[in-house]
Protein backbone atom coordinates (compact mmCIF):
# COMPACT_ATOMS: atom_id res chain seq x y z
CA MET A 1 183.57 172.76 74.13
CA THR A 2 185.87 172.87 71.17
CA GLU A 3 186.12 170.34 68.56
CA ILE A 4 189.56 168.98 67.61
CA ILE A 5 191.96 166.66 66.12
CA ALA A 6 195.49 165.34 66.87
CA VAL A 7 198.18 165.27 64.96
CA ARG A 8 201.43 163.89 65.02
CA PHE A 9 204.73 165.41 62.48
CA LYS A 10 206.92 162.49 63.41
CA ALA A 11 206.43 158.71 64.68
CA GLY A 12 206.50 159.01 68.49
CA GLY A 13 206.74 162.40 68.30
CA LYS A 14 204.22 165.36 70.17
CA GLN A 15 201.06 165.50 69.09
CA TYR A 16 199.21 168.91 68.65
CA TYR A 17 195.39 169.96 67.93
CA PHE A 18 193.78 171.59 65.02
CA ASP A 19 190.75 172.85 64.51
CA PRO A 20 189.08 170.35 61.59
CA GLN A 21 186.84 173.04 59.68
CA GLY A 22 184.01 170.95 59.98
CA LEU A 23 185.97 167.99 57.95
CA GLN A 24 185.46 163.81 59.80
CA ILE A 25 189.20 163.30 59.77
CA PRO A 26 189.74 159.07 60.98
CA GLN A 27 192.62 158.09 62.44
CA GLY A 28 195.32 157.69 60.78
CA THR A 29 194.86 159.76 57.60
CA GLY A 30 197.14 162.20 56.28
CA VAL A 31 196.80 165.93 56.58
CA ILE A 32 197.81 169.06 55.42
CA VAL A 33 197.79 172.10 58.22
CA GLU A 34 199.17 175.24 58.99
CA THR A 35 201.80 175.68 61.08
CA GLY A 36 204.26 178.69 62.12
CA LYS A 37 206.58 177.42 59.55
CA GLY A 38 204.17 176.92 57.13
CA LEU A 39 202.32 174.43 55.49
CA GLU A 40 203.01 171.09 56.87
CA TYR A 41 202.38 167.50 56.41
CA GLY A 42 201.29 164.96 59.29
CA THR A 43 199.26 162.08 60.04
CA CYS A 44 196.16 162.12 62.44
CA SER A 45 197.12 160.54 65.98
CA ARG A 46 193.00 161.18 67.36
CA SER A 47 189.87 161.55 65.28
CA ASN A 48 187.29 163.97 65.94
CA ALA A 49 187.05 164.99 69.49
CA MET A 50 185.37 167.33 71.82
CA VAL A 51 187.59 169.11 74.50
CA ARG A 52 187.55 171.06 77.68
CA ASP A 53 188.06 175.05 76.31
CA ASP A 54 190.79 175.02 79.16
CA VAL A 55 192.85 172.23 77.50
CA VAL A 56 193.29 173.92 74.18
CA VAL A 57 195.22 177.20 73.17
CA GLN A 58 193.27 179.50 71.10
CA PRO A 59 193.31 180.40 68.65
CA LEU A 60 193.68 177.12 67.03
CA ARG A 61 195.47 176.66 63.62
CA PRO A 62 193.34 175.55 60.90
CA VAL A 63 193.61 172.08 58.78
CA VAL A 64 193.94 173.14 55.24
CA ARG A 65 193.00 169.55 53.61
CA VAL A 66 193.29 166.26 53.72
CA ALA A 67 196.43 164.82 52.17
CA THR A 68 196.34 163.57 48.49
CA ALA A 69 198.37 161.21 46.35
CA LYS A 70 200.10 164.10 44.85
CA ASP A 71 200.93 165.57 48.72
CA GLU A 72 201.98 161.46 49.31
CA LYS A 73 204.51 162.01 46.56
CA GLN A 74 205.47 164.89 47.77
CA VAL A 75 206.48 163.74 51.08
CA LYS A 76 208.45 160.77 48.97
CA ASP A 77 210.58 162.95 47.22
CA ASN A 78 211.81 165.20 50.42
CA HIS A 79 212.56 161.71 52.57
CA ARG A 80 214.58 161.28 49.34
CA LYS A 81 216.02 164.48 48.90
CA GLU A 82 216.82 164.12 53.03
CA LYS A 83 219.15 161.28 52.63
CA GLU A 84 221.29 162.97 49.74
CA ALA A 85 221.57 166.28 51.84
CA MET A 86 222.75 164.13 54.87
CA LYS A 87 225.63 162.55 52.91
CA VAL A 88 226.71 166.27 51.32
CA CYS A 89 226.29 167.89 55.24
CA GLN A 90 228.83 165.24 56.56
CA GLN A 91 231.54 165.31 53.61
CA LEU A 92 231.54 169.35 54.01
CA VAL A 93 231.70 168.84 58.02
CA GLU A 94 234.61 166.54 57.57
CA ARG A 95 236.22 169.20 54.89
CA HIS A 96 235.66 172.04 57.63
CA GLY A 97 237.01 169.89 60.57
CA LEU A 98 233.94 170.62 62.77
CA ASP A 99 233.37 168.52 65.90
CA MET A 100 229.84 167.79 65.55
CA LYS A 101 227.81 164.60 64.92
CA LEU A 102 224.89 164.57 62.18
CA VAL A 103 221.79 163.16 63.34
CA GLU A 104 218.91 163.97 61.16
CA VAL A 105 217.69 166.24 58.10
CA GLU A 106 214.41 167.43 57.85
CA TYR A 107 213.07 169.19 54.82
CA SER A 108 209.88 171.17 54.97
CA PHE A 109 206.78 170.24 53.30
CA ASP A 110 207.25 173.24 50.06
CA GLY A 111 210.74 172.38 50.25
CA SER A 112 212.11 175.95 51.22
CA LYS A 113 213.93 175.41 54.53
CA ILE A 114 216.09 172.42 55.33
CA ILE A 115 216.81 171.94 59.10
CA PHE A 116 219.99 170.03 60.18
CA PHE A 117 219.72 168.36 63.61
CA PHE A 118 223.54 167.60 65.41
CA THR A 119 224.94 166.93 68.91
CA SER A 120 228.01 168.34 70.01
CA GLU A 121 229.99 168.88 73.63
CA GLY A 122 230.94 171.92 73.19
CA ARG A 123 229.60 175.29 71.09
CA VAL A 124 230.36 174.80 67.09
CA ASP A 125 231.51 178.12 64.82
CA PHE A 126 229.52 176.97 61.64
CA ARG A 127 228.86 179.66 59.85
CA ALA A 128 230.93 178.31 56.89
CA LEU A 129 229.16 175.34 56.54
CA VAL A 130 225.96 177.25 56.32
CA LYS A 131 227.62 179.43 53.45
CA ASP A 132 228.44 176.52 51.97
CA LEU A 133 224.55 174.51 52.04
CA ALA A 134 223.40 177.19 50.88
CA SER A 135 225.26 177.58 47.69
CA ILE A 136 224.52 174.13 47.06
CA PHE A 137 220.70 173.12 47.77
CA ARG A 138 219.63 176.95 47.60
CA SER A 139 217.33 177.05 49.97
CA ARG A 140 217.02 178.30 53.78
CA ILE A 141 219.55 176.51 56.13
CA GLU A 142 219.29 176.13 59.84
CA LEU A 143 221.17 173.53 62.01
CA ARG A 144 219.77 173.48 64.97
CA GLN A 145 222.12 171.57 67.96
CA ILE A 146 220.46 168.95 70.18
CA GLY A 147 220.83 166.81 72.93
CA VAL A 148 221.60 163.23 73.71
CA ARG A 149 218.43 162.46 74.62
CA ASP A 150 216.43 164.03 71.37
CA GLU A 151 218.95 162.23 69.43
CA ALA A 152 217.92 158.87 71.05
CA ARG A 153 214.64 159.87 70.20
CA MET A 154 214.89 160.46 66.60
CA LEU A 155 217.27 157.89 65.73
CA GLY A 156 215.30 155.17 67.90
CA GLY A 157 216.75 152.01 69.18
CA LEU A 158 215.80 148.90 71.56
CA GLY A 159 216.53 149.58 75.63
CA ILE A 160 218.47 147.55 78.45
CA CYS A 161 214.74 145.70 79.05
CA GLY A 162 214.73 144.68 75.29
CA LYS A 163 211.80 146.77 74.38
CA PRO A 164 211.85 150.10 71.98
CA PHE A 165 212.66 153.28 73.40
CA CYS A 166 209.88 154.67 75.59
CA CYS A 167 210.99 158.52 74.30
CA HIS A 168 210.33 157.07 70.27
CA GLN A 169 207.58 154.71 71.18
CA PHE A 170 205.02 157.29 73.22
CA LEU A 171 206.10 159.86 75.06
CA ASP A 172 205.28 163.34 74.04
CA GLU A 173 207.80 165.31 76.41
CA PHE A 174 210.63 164.33 78.60
CA GLN A 175 209.94 164.45 82.55
CA PRO A 176 213.07 165.42 84.92
CA VAL A 177 214.46 162.00 86.61
CA SER A 178 217.09 162.81 89.25
CA ILE A 179 219.23 159.99 91.44
CA LYS A 180 216.84 160.41 94.44
CA MET A 181 214.59 158.44 92.74
CA ALA A 182 216.82 155.77 92.58
CA LYS A 183 217.81 156.10 95.74
CA THR A 184 213.80 156.26 97.33
CA GLN A 185 213.31 152.58 95.19
CA ASN A 186 216.00 150.81 96.63
CA LEU A 187 217.95 150.45 93.11
CA SER A 188 221.66 150.05 92.50
CA LEU A 189 223.63 153.60 92.41
CA ASN A 190 225.48 151.41 89.39
CA PRO A 191 225.43 154.42 86.38
CA THR A 192 225.61 151.13 84.03
CA LYS A 193 221.78 149.70 85.54
CA ILE A 194 220.10 153.11 85.84
CA SER A 195 221.37 154.91 82.87
CA GLY A 196 219.45 154.21 79.27
CA THR A 197 221.49 154.16 75.77
CA CYS A 198 221.39 157.69 75.79
CA GLY A 199 223.97 158.02 78.96
CA ARG A 200 221.06 159.70 80.95
CA LEU A 201 218.88 158.34 83.79
CA MET A 202 216.57 156.20 82.26
CA CYS A 203 212.69 157.69 81.86
CA CYS A 204 211.06 154.49 83.63
CA LEU A 205 212.65 155.58 86.64
CA LYS A 206 209.25 158.22 86.73
CA TYR A 207 206.85 155.79 86.29
CA GLU A 208 207.11 154.11 89.36
CA GLN A 209 207.89 157.03 91.73
CA ASP A 210 204.48 158.31 93.06
CA ALA A 211 203.31 154.67 94.03
CA TYR A 212 206.98 154.34 95.99
CA GLU A 213 206.07 157.93 97.07
CA ASP A 214 202.87 156.76 98.81
CA ALA A 215 204.23 153.45 100.24
CA MET A 216 206.63 155.91 102.03
CA LYS A 217 203.87 157.54 103.91
CA ARG A 218 202.61 153.94 105.71
CA CYS A 219 206.28 152.72 106.20
CA PRO A 220 208.75 154.23 109.17
CA LYS A 221 211.95 155.77 108.17
CA GLN A 222 214.95 153.64 108.74
CA ASP A 223 216.97 153.30 112.53
CA SER A 224 213.29 154.70 113.84
CA PHE A 225 212.88 153.70 117.26
CA VAL A 226 209.82 151.77 117.31
CA GLU A 227 207.43 149.00 119.44
CA CYS A 228 206.44 145.80 117.74
CA PRO A 229 204.66 142.59 118.95
CA ASP A 230 208.23 141.59 120.80
CA GLY A 231 209.26 144.33 122.01
CA VAL A 232 211.04 147.77 121.69
CA GLY A 233 213.96 147.99 118.88
CA ASN A 234 215.19 150.46 116.14
CA VAL A 235 214.43 149.61 112.21
CA THR A 236 217.21 148.06 110.49
CA ALA A 237 215.28 147.72 106.58
CA VAL A 238 212.31 148.86 104.87
CA ASN A 239 210.74 146.65 102.07
CA LEU A 240 208.35 149.45 100.36
CA LEU A 241 206.90 146.99 98.00
CA ARG A 242 205.77 144.68 100.15
CA GLU A 243 205.33 147.12 103.41
CA GLN A 244 207.76 145.41 105.79
CA VAL A 245 209.94 146.24 108.33
CA LYS A 246 213.13 144.37 109.81
CA VAL A 247 213.54 145.37 113.52
CA ARG A 248 216.48 144.71 116.26
CA LEU A 249 215.40 143.95 119.21
CA GLU A 250 216.97 145.28 121.99
CA ASP A 251 216.79 143.02 124.87
CA SER A 252 217.23 140.34 122.16
CA THR A 253 220.52 138.96 120.46
CA GLU A 254 218.99 137.17 117.60
CA GLN A 255 218.77 138.26 113.96
CA PRO A 256 216.61 140.88 113.15
CA LYS A 257 212.91 140.17 112.88
CA THR A 258 210.18 140.78 110.03
CA TYR A 259 207.33 142.43 110.64
CA ARG A 260 204.43 144.66 109.03
CA THR A 261 203.78 148.15 109.20
CA THR A 262 200.51 147.78 110.95
CA GLU A 263 202.57 145.83 113.37
CA ILE A 264 204.86 148.63 114.01
CA ARG A 265 204.02 151.71 116.39
CA VAL A 266 206.86 154.45 115.69
CA VAL A 267 208.46 155.82 118.90
CA ARG A 268 210.84 158.39 117.47
CA SER A 269 210.94 158.59 113.71
CA GLY A 270 214.07 158.84 111.67
CA LYS A 271 218.07 158.29 113.20
CA GLY A 272 216.58 158.50 116.65
CA LYS A 273 217.90 156.63 119.76
CA ARG A 274 215.53 155.54 122.50
CA PRO A 275 214.41 158.44 124.73
CA GLU A 276 215.32 158.98 128.01
CA ASP A 277 212.27 159.27 129.68
CA TYR A 278 210.62 156.39 127.73
CA VAL A 279 209.36 153.14 129.87
CA ALA A 280 208.00 150.14 127.22
CA PRO A 281 204.46 148.96 127.82
CA PRO A 282 203.99 145.59 129.19
CA LYS A 283 204.29 142.31 126.90
CA GLU A 284 200.46 141.94 126.97
CA GLU A 285 199.83 145.31 125.23
CA LEU A 286 202.14 144.60 122.51
CA GLU A 287 200.78 141.55 121.80
CA LYS A 288 197.91 143.20 120.82
CA LEU A 289 200.20 144.42 117.62
CA ARG A 290 200.35 141.40 116.69
CA TYR A 291 198.72 140.71 113.02
CA ILE A 292 196.06 137.48 113.13
CA PRO A 293 195.83 136.31 109.37
CA PRO A 294 192.09 135.58 108.13
CA LYS A 295 191.12 131.86 107.63
CA GLU A 296 192.24 131.71 104.07
CA GLU A 297 195.29 133.32 104.06
CA ARG A 298 196.23 130.57 107.07
CA ARG A 299 195.38 127.76 104.96
CA LEU A 300 197.66 129.09 102.09
CA SER A 301 200.48 129.50 104.49
CA GLU A 302 199.87 126.10 106.36
CA GLY A 303 201.48 124.65 102.94
CA SER A 304 197.87 123.53 101.07
CA SER A 305 198.71 124.49 97.11
CA LEU A 306 196.42 126.36 95.27
CA ALA A 307 195.40 123.11 92.94
CA ALA A 308 194.04 121.25 95.85
CA LEU A 309 191.90 124.19 97.05
CA LEU A 310 190.79 124.64 93.51
CA GLU A 311 190.15 121.11 93.51
CA GLN A 312 187.75 121.74 96.72
CA TYR A 313 186.01 124.69 95.33
CA MET A 314 185.14 123.02 92.26
CA ALA A 315 184.17 119.79 94.17
CA VAL A 316 181.69 121.74 96.12
CA ASN A 317 180.24 123.72 93.51
CA GLN A 318 180.01 120.78 91.35
CA PRO A 319 176.21 119.86 90.04
CA GLU A 320 175.08 116.06 91.56
CA GLU A 321 174.81 115.00 87.85
CA GLU A 322 178.52 115.73 87.18
CA LYS A 323 178.94 113.96 90.30
CA LYS A 324 177.30 110.88 89.38
CA THR A 325 179.06 110.92 86.00
CA SER A 326 182.24 111.28 87.49
CA SER A 327 181.35 108.03 89.48
CA ARG A 328 180.34 106.42 87.09
CA SER A 329 183.20 106.58 85.12
CA ARG A 330 185.45 105.69 87.83
CA ARG A 331 183.57 102.47 88.24
CA ARG A 332 184.18 101.43 84.82
CA ARG A 333 187.68 101.98 84.80
CA GLY A 334 187.96 100.14 87.79
CA GLY A 335 185.70 97.35 86.42
CA ALA A 336 188.17 97.34 83.38
CA LYS A 337 191.79 96.96 85.66
CA LYS A 338 189.87 93.87 87.56
CA GLU A 339 189.29 92.31 84.26
CA THR A 340 192.95 92.37 83.16
CA GLN A 341 194.56 91.39 86.38
CA PRO A 342 193.80 87.52 85.36
CA GLU A 343 195.56 87.39 82.36
CA THR A 344 198.73 87.93 83.67
CA LYS A 345 198.30 85.40 86.00
CA PRO A 346 198.41 82.16 83.84
CA LYS A 347 201.84 83.35 82.56
CA GLN A 348 203.52 83.21 85.78
CA GLN A 349 201.97 79.89 87.02
CA PRO A 350 204.04 77.28 84.97
CA ALA A 351 207.49 79.39 86.27
CA ALA A 352 206.19 79.00 89.61
CA SER A 353 205.26 75.39 89.22
CA THR A 354 208.92 74.49 87.96
CA ALA A 355 210.92 76.56 90.38
CA GLY A 356 208.70 74.67 92.93
CA ASP A 357 209.19 71.34 91.62
CA LYS A 358 211.98 68.82 93.10
CA PRO A 359 214.51 67.29 90.78
CA LYS A 360 214.37 64.13 90.06
CA ALA A 361 217.48 62.10 89.97
CA LYS A 362 218.40 59.78 87.16
CA SER A 363 220.72 56.48 87.32
CA GLY A 364 224.21 57.24 85.97
CA GLY A 365 226.77 60.31 86.91
CA GLY A 366 224.60 63.02 84.90
CA ALA A 367 223.49 66.41 86.71
CA SER A 368 219.77 66.80 87.83
CA GLN A 369 217.46 68.97 85.61
CA GLY A 370 216.98 71.31 88.71
CA GLY A 371 220.76 72.34 87.66
CA ASN A 372 222.48 70.67 90.29
CA LYS A 373 226.03 70.01 89.24
CA ARG A 374 226.79 67.78 91.92
CA PRO A 375 227.42 64.56 90.81
CA ASN A 376 224.94 61.38 91.49
CA ARG A 377 226.97 59.08 93.45
CA GLY A 378 224.16 56.50 92.92
CA PRO A 379 221.52 55.18 95.48
CA LYS A 380 222.71 53.79 99.03
CA PRO A 381 223.55 50.52 99.96
CA GLN A 382 221.02 48.74 101.95
CA GLN A 383 221.36 47.46 105.34
CA GLY A 384 221.04 44.14 104.31
CA GLN A 385 223.27 44.29 101.13
CA ASN A 386 226.82 42.64 101.62
CA LYS A 387 230.33 44.52 101.73
CA SER A 388 231.67 42.75 98.58
CA GLY A 389 228.58 44.42 96.53
CA ALA A 390 229.61 47.89 97.74
CA GLN A 391 232.94 46.84 96.91
CA GLN A 392 231.90 46.04 93.18
CA SER A 393 230.09 48.90 92.61
CA ASN A 394 233.02 51.17 93.67
CA LYS A 395 235.37 49.05 91.11
CA ALA A 396 232.58 49.72 88.55
CA GLN A 397 232.80 53.36 88.67
CA GLN A 398 236.76 53.69 88.53
CA PRO A 399 236.81 53.23 84.78
CA ASN A 400 234.45 56.30 84.62
CA LYS A 401 237.26 58.34 86.69
CA GLN A 402 240.04 57.28 84.53
CA GLU A 403 238.27 58.39 81.39
CA GLY A 404 237.44 62.25 82.92
CA GLN A 405 241.41 62.30 83.48
CA GLY A 406 242.07 61.23 80.37
CA ASN A 407 239.91 64.27 78.98
CA THR A 408 241.31 66.62 81.29
CA GLY A 409 244.85 65.70 80.51
CA GLU A 410 243.93 66.01 77.25
CA LYS A 411 242.55 69.59 77.69
CA ARG A 412 245.43 71.21 79.76
CA ARG A 413 247.92 69.73 76.58
CA ARG A 414 245.83 71.43 73.63
CA SER A 415 246.27 74.42 76.07
CA ARG A 416 249.63 75.00 75.29
CA PRO A 417 250.87 75.52 71.74
CA HIS A 418 254.34 74.74 71.88
CA HIS A 419 253.79 71.12 73.47
CA ARG A 420 254.20 68.60 70.76
CA ARG A 421 250.72 66.89 70.31
CA ARG A 422 250.28 62.77 69.94
CA LYS A 423 247.38 61.20 68.90
CA PRO A 424 245.69 58.83 71.75
CA GLN A 425 245.92 55.10 71.50
CA GLY A 426 242.66 54.54 72.67
CA GLU A 427 239.55 56.35 73.50
CA GLY A 428 239.87 56.67 76.93
CA GLY A 429 243.77 56.20 76.86
CA THR A 430 246.28 59.38 77.45
CA ALA A 431 248.67 60.80 75.28
CA ASN A 432 252.41 59.87 75.69
């Protein structure tokens, strides 16, 4: 066993192992370590730990010291110089007319070396540029060409998922990704959907590849000739995540049916037709392949909701004391409802009584209180009454009709603004 600490030189970069030399260094502490480039400043990403000897490459380089305040100040000065060097180099690139894109500038810890990272589609002759940079900064100059993936890793950003780039956040090394992975996962082969911001295939295609390859071992291939509980046929579609297949039966003209992979028995794998000497087994034997779900799964499939099952489970496991308290609370709620009912009834009784009473008739030609607009014609003449009495009563009612006719005539004339009006001669008279 060997004692090590892990150090990162950049955020999200690869971590390297160093010998702590007996120092107890907590995670997140700045350290000065010895590398092949000289002394470098890094951040401890993993504190003191013991690992197997075959994990590390011997001999381990030592940790010189824990970073001091002076070292931290020098690192800040280097970051400030990197920004200035970036502007100067960009101006020189435009002056020389070079087809290259500057990505980042890195100063060594002691400032003896400056590395310029750039991207380009082809090879660039930058010998004149190096001479100009060396005469300005008076230090060793190195121009390093990188790919688009390294550029995205250095600059960072947000992917199509809305999260920071995996390569900038936690990936130590790039893993090979191929278009075959997208085909295996049944993804759209549209380049805009399976490519990252860098223009290459997304690194996350590698994450689930092992799970898909494991599921492919249990699922039949496309167009395989198989036996299923309803007969024999060919596989038309395979769902690797659910481990289900669609089979088009030979003796049926219906749409393909969906089966589990456990209900399928492969006769010929791949793009194979029905074998010439193949005889289909009887239906009783094929019916044995049908999957019979357990009782719990049947309840869920019948449409019983999860809330109902949870309530049933709580009712079974509920203590007796809680059941008594719940029943008491229900009784109290029921009693409160009964007390509120008599309060509402007296309010409705007067309305019902007024609606049920019959309107009383009054003497005269007015309307009744019940809302009946029909005029009251008075009491009917009895059998012993003379005809002359009936005639007298009819004559007595004629002046009232004339008064009503005069009023209606007056209203009609008022509705005509162009008609000249005159004052009536009497109370019940009409205008001339």
